[in-house]
Amino acid sequence: MTAPEVHSSTKAKRATPPSKAGRPKAHPKQPKLSVTPAELPKVEAAARNTKQNRILALLNERNGATIPEMMQATDWQQHSVRGFLAGTVKKKLGLALTSSKSDGELRRYRLETRRGR
């Protein structure tokens, strides 16, 4: 019998470091869109129609909104809407969120308008 072969556990080293020319850029530039000035308001309005803005618009209404209304507007689940209200609306944005409940109705949430300043 022969002696068992001993394998080296070192990794193979590259002869030369890779060049920067071969690597893709971390943040490639976006191509410029050709939008005419007449189309600009439509493009901006579409960009602002986010789920967050939909909920904020519902909360700014006079009667506010219920959680099922916000769920329908965003296709989020109930826990996601509640998390958005607590984490984003109250903590991150620092908005005054109030809620009210009448007998036999669902709880309605709305943004309190700030007076002064």
Protein backbone atom coordinates (compact mmCIF):
# COMPACT_ATOMS: atom_id res chain seq x y z
CA MET A 1 0.00 0.00 0.00
CA THR A 2 1.02 3.47 -0.66
CA ALA A 3 0.80 6.43 1.66
CA PRO A 4 -2.44 8.42 1.46
CA GLU A 5 -2.29 11.49 -0.67
CA VAL A 6 -2.18 14.79 1.16
CA HIS A 7 -4.36 17.54 -0.30
CA SER A 8 -3.61 21.14 0.22
CA SER A 9 -6.47 23.14 1.70
CA THR A 10 -5.30 26.46 0.33
CA LYS A 11 -7.32 28.27 -2.26
CA ALA A 12 -5.93 28.94 -5.67
CA LYS A 13 -4.67 32.49 -6.05
CA ARG A 14 -5.29 34.63 -9.09
CA ALA A 15 -2.25 35.68 -11.00
CA THR A 16 -3.53 39.22 -11.58
CA PRO A 17 -6.43 41.08 -10.02
CA PRO A 18 -9.49 41.53 -12.24
CA SER A 19 -9.58 44.75 -14.20
CA LYS A 20 -12.21 47.39 -13.56
CA ALA A 21 -13.10 47.47 -17.24
CA GLY A 22 -14.58 43.98 -17.10
CA ARG A 23 -16.89 44.66 -14.13
CA PRO A 24 -20.34 46.20 -14.54
CA LYS A 25 -20.87 49.60 -12.96
CA ALA A 26 -22.68 49.65 -9.64
CA HIS A 27 -25.16 52.30 -10.72
CA PRO A 28 -25.55 52.48 -14.49
CA LYS A 29 -27.10 55.68 -15.79
CA GLN A 30 -30.74 55.48 -16.71
CA PRO A 31 -31.57 56.44 -20.30
CA LYS A 32 -33.30 59.78 -20.58
CA LEU A 33 -36.97 59.57 -21.47
CA SER A 34 -38.28 61.76 -24.20
CA VAL A 35 -41.35 63.38 -22.70
CA THR A 36 -42.89 66.45 -24.19
CA PRO A 37 -43.85 69.31 -21.89
CA ALA A 38 -47.53 68.59 -22.56
CA GLU A 39 -47.15 65.00 -21.31
CA LEU A 40 -45.19 65.97 -18.19
CA PRO A 41 -48.20 66.51 -15.85
CA LYS A 42 -49.56 63.08 -16.81
CA VAL A 43 -46.22 61.40 -16.13
CA GLU A 44 -45.80 63.18 -12.80
CA ALA A 45 -49.35 62.30 -11.73
CA ALA A 46 -48.75 58.65 -12.55
CA ALA A 47 -45.50 58.64 -10.58
CA ARG A 48 -47.24 60.08 -7.51
CA ASN A 49 -50.04 57.50 -7.49
CA THR A 50 -48.33 55.23 -5.00
CA LYS A 51 -50.02 53.07 -2.42
CA GLN A 52 -48.70 55.34 0.29
CA ASN A 53 -50.22 58.38 -1.40
CA ARG A 54 -53.53 56.55 -1.87
CA ILE A 55 -53.78 55.88 1.87
CA LEU A 56 -52.76 59.42 2.76
CA ALA A 57 -55.43 60.77 0.41
CA LEU A 58 -58.06 58.58 2.08
CA LEU A 59 -56.91 59.73 5.52
CA ASN A 60 -57.10 63.37 4.48
CA GLU A 61 -60.79 63.09 3.56
CA ARG A 62 -63.24 64.67 5.97
CA ASN A 63 -64.60 61.35 7.27
CA GLY A 64 -61.27 59.53 7.05
CA ALA A 65 -61.12 55.86 6.09
CA THR A 66 -61.63 52.44 7.59
CA ILE A 67 -59.05 49.66 7.42
CA PRO A 68 -61.12 47.70 4.85
CA GLU A 69 -61.24 50.80 2.62
CA MET A 70 -57.46 51.17 2.85
CA MET A 71 -57.02 47.45 2.19
CA GLN A 72 -59.12 47.73 -0.97
CA ALA A 73 -57.23 50.82 -2.19
CA THR A 74 -53.81 49.20 -1.80
CA ASP A 75 -54.41 45.42 -2.03
CA TRP A 76 -52.61 45.10 1.32
CA GLN A 77 -53.60 42.81 4.15
CA GLN A 78 -54.95 44.18 7.41
CA HIS A 79 -51.70 43.82 9.33
CA SER A 80 -49.84 45.68 6.58
CA VAL A 81 -52.26 48.62 6.71
CA ARG A 82 -52.01 48.79 10.49
CA GLY A 83 -48.22 48.60 10.33
CA PHE A 84 -48.15 51.40 7.76
CA LEU A 85 -50.35 53.57 9.96
CA ALA A 86 -48.21 53.03 13.05
CA GLY A 87 -44.75 52.89 11.50
CA THR A 88 -44.89 55.24 8.56
CA VAL A 89 -47.72 57.67 9.19
CA LYS A 90 -47.16 58.19 12.91
CA LYS A 91 -43.47 57.51 13.44
CA LYS A 92 -41.65 58.30 10.19
CA LEU A 93 -43.88 61.07 8.84
CA GLY A 94 -44.85 62.37 12.30
CA LEU A 95 -48.46 63.02 11.31
CA ALA A 96 -51.25 63.26 13.87
CA LEU A 97 -53.42 60.20 13.24
CA THR A 98 -56.74 60.04 15.06
CA SER A 99 -59.40 57.37 15.15
CA SER A 100 -63.05 57.34 16.09
CA LYS A 101 -65.69 54.67 16.40
CA SER A 102 -69.45 55.03 16.46
CA ASP A 103 -71.75 52.31 17.74
CA GLY A 104 -72.25 49.63 15.12
CA GLU A 105 -69.66 51.07 12.72
CA LEU A 106 -66.05 50.31 11.94
CA ARG A 107 -63.24 52.42 13.36
CA ARG A 108 -62.37 55.35 11.09
CA TYR A 109 -58.88 56.80 10.88
CA ARG A 110 -58.05 60.30 9.68
CA LEU A 111 -55.24 62.79 9.76
CA GLU A 112 -55.73 65.64 12.17
CA THR A 113 -55.27 69.00 10.49
CA ARG A 114 -52.77 71.18 12.26
CA ARG A 115 -53.74 74.77 12.85
CA GLY A 116 -51.32 77.64 13.05
CA ARG A 117 -47.81 77.73 11.64
